[in-house]
Amino acid sequence: MAPTKLLVIKRGAFGDMVQADGALRDIRAAFPSAEIVLLTTPPYAKLMRRCPHIDRLLIDPRLLDL
């Protein structure tokens, strides 16, 4: 049974966020009907809002302190 929702947590550096696009594309291809939610930090919100492979973006400033 395929998942209906997937949460991806990405809080890395800028280069990591750019490279995450490929992983998100592959996740979308593997689970085309699932809702893909990305949890990230405020500095990357604007960049990841443009990602066509996610359905929803969650922003958590507390992740900056980890």
C-alpha atoms as a PDB file:
ATOM      1  CA  MET A   1       0.000   0.000   0.000  1.00  0.00           C
ATOM      2  CA  ALA A   2       1.484   3.362  -1.051  1.00  0.00           C
ATOM      3  CA  PRO A   3       1.708   6.183   1.494  1.00  0.00           C
ATOM      4  CA  THR A   4      -0.747   9.054   1.189  1.00  0.00           C
ATOM      5  CA  LYS A   5       1.535  11.618   2.851  1.00  0.00           C
ATOM      6  CA  LEU A   6       5.289  11.963   3.072  1.00  0.00           C
ATOM      7  CA  LEU A   7       7.233  14.385   5.262  1.00  0.00           C
ATOM      8  CA  VAL A   8      10.725  15.346   4.106  1.00  0.00           C
ATOM      9  CA  ILE A   9      12.858  17.229   6.635  1.00  0.00           C
ATOM     10  CA  LYS A  10      15.626  19.288   5.070  1.00  0.00           C
ATOM     11  CA  ARG A  11      17.537  21.852   7.085  1.00  0.00           C
ATOM     12  CA  GLY A  12      20.961  21.816   5.418  1.00  0.00           C
ATOM     13  CA  ALA A  13      23.090  24.376   3.649  1.00  0.00           C
ATOM     14  CA  PHE A  14      22.205  26.088   0.375  1.00  0.00           C
ATOM     15  CA  GLY A  15      23.995  23.502  -1.778  1.00  0.00           C
ATOM     16  CA  ASP A  16      22.179  20.709   0.035  1.00  0.00           C
ATOM     17  CA  MET A  17      18.853  22.367  -0.702  1.00  0.00           C
ATOM     18  CA  VAL A  18      19.656  22.680  -4.405  1.00  0.00           C
ATOM     19  CA  GLN A  19      20.691  19.029  -4.564  1.00  0.00           C
ATOM     20  CA  ALA A  20      17.543  18.005  -2.696  1.00  0.00           C
ATOM     21  CA  ASP A  21      15.544  18.880  -5.807  1.00  0.00           C
ATOM     22  CA  GLY A  22      16.675  15.654  -7.460  1.00  0.00           C
ATOM     23  CA  ALA A  23      15.692  13.563  -4.455  1.00  0.00           C
ATOM     24  CA  LEU A  24      12.308  15.277  -4.264  1.00  0.00           C
ATOM     25  CA  ARG A  25      11.784  14.626  -7.983  1.00  0.00           C
ATOM     26  CA  ASP A  26      12.528  10.929  -7.442  1.00  0.00           C
ATOM     27  CA  ILE A  27      10.186  10.763  -4.456  1.00  0.00           C
ATOM     28  CA  ARG A  28       7.427  12.361  -6.556  1.00  0.00           C
ATOM     29  CA  ALA A  29       8.034   9.844  -9.350  1.00  0.00           C
ATOM     30  CA  ALA A  30       7.877   6.927  -6.898  1.00  0.00           C
ATOM     31  CA  PHE A  31       4.764   8.211  -5.097  1.00  0.00           C
ATOM     32  CA  PRO A  32       2.833  10.322  -7.622  1.00  0.00           C
ATOM     33  CA  SER A  33      -0.400  10.453  -5.641  1.00  0.00           C
ATOM     34  CA  ALA A  34       1.115  11.120  -2.211  1.00  0.00           C
ATOM     35  CA  GLU A  35       1.090  14.555  -0.610  1.00  0.00           C
ATOM     36  CA  ILE A  36       4.739  15.558  -0.211  1.00  0.00           C
ATOM     37  CA  VAL A  37       5.381  18.017   2.605  1.00  0.00           C
ATOM     38  CA  LEU A  38       8.790  19.625   3.073  1.00  0.00           C
ATOM     39  CA  LEU A  39       9.864  20.906   6.496  1.00  0.00           C
ATOM     40  CA  THR A  40      12.703  23.431   6.331  1.00  0.00           C
ATOM     41  CA  THR A  41      14.106  26.586   7.922  1.00  0.00           C
ATOM     42  CA  PRO A  42      13.228  30.210   7.088  1.00  0.00           C
ATOM     43  CA  PRO A  43      16.362  30.941   5.004  1.00  0.00           C
ATOM     44  CA  TYR A  44      15.332  28.306   2.445  1.00  0.00           C
ATOM     45  CA  ALA A  45      11.584  28.898   2.334  1.00  0.00           C
ATOM     46  CA  LYS A  46      11.634  31.211  -0.682  1.00  0.00           C
ATOM     47  CA  LEU A  47      13.801  28.808  -2.683  1.00  0.00           C
ATOM     48  CA  MET A  48      11.760  25.719  -1.849  1.00  0.00           C
ATOM     49  CA  ARG A  49       8.402  27.393  -2.528  1.00  0.00           C
ATOM     50  CA  ARG A  50       9.411  27.217  -6.195  1.00  0.00           C
ATOM     51  CA  CYS A  51      10.008  23.455  -6.095  1.00  0.00           C
ATOM     52  CA  PRO A  52       7.401  21.744  -8.294  1.00  0.00           C
ATOM     53  CA  HIS A  53       7.849  18.379  -6.583  1.00  0.00           C
ATOM     54  CA  ILE A  54       6.311  19.291  -3.210  1.00  0.00           C
ATOM     55  CA  ASP A  55       2.706  19.989  -2.324  1.00  0.00           C
ATOM     56  CA  ARG A  56       3.192  21.914   0.888  1.00  0.00           C
ATOM     57  CA  LEU A  57       5.981  23.702   2.711  1.00  0.00           C
ATOM     58  CA  LEU A  58       6.326  23.900   6.490  1.00  0.00           C
ATOM     59  CA  ILE A  59       8.788  26.343   8.022  1.00  0.00           C
ATOM     60  CA  ASP A  60      10.172  25.841  11.510  1.00  0.00           C
ATOM     61  CA  PRO A  61      12.604  28.465  12.849  1.00  0.00           C
ATOM     62  CA  ARG A  62      13.509  26.178  15.759  1.00  0.00           C
ATOM     63  CA  LEU A  63      15.479  23.992  13.340  1.00  0.00           C
ATOM     64  CA  LEU A  64      18.067  26.805  13.089  1.00  0.00           C
ATOM     65  CA  ASP A  65      19.197  26.054  16.638  1.00  0.00           C
ATOM     66  CA  LEU A  66      19.946  22.359  16.092  1.00  0.00           C
END
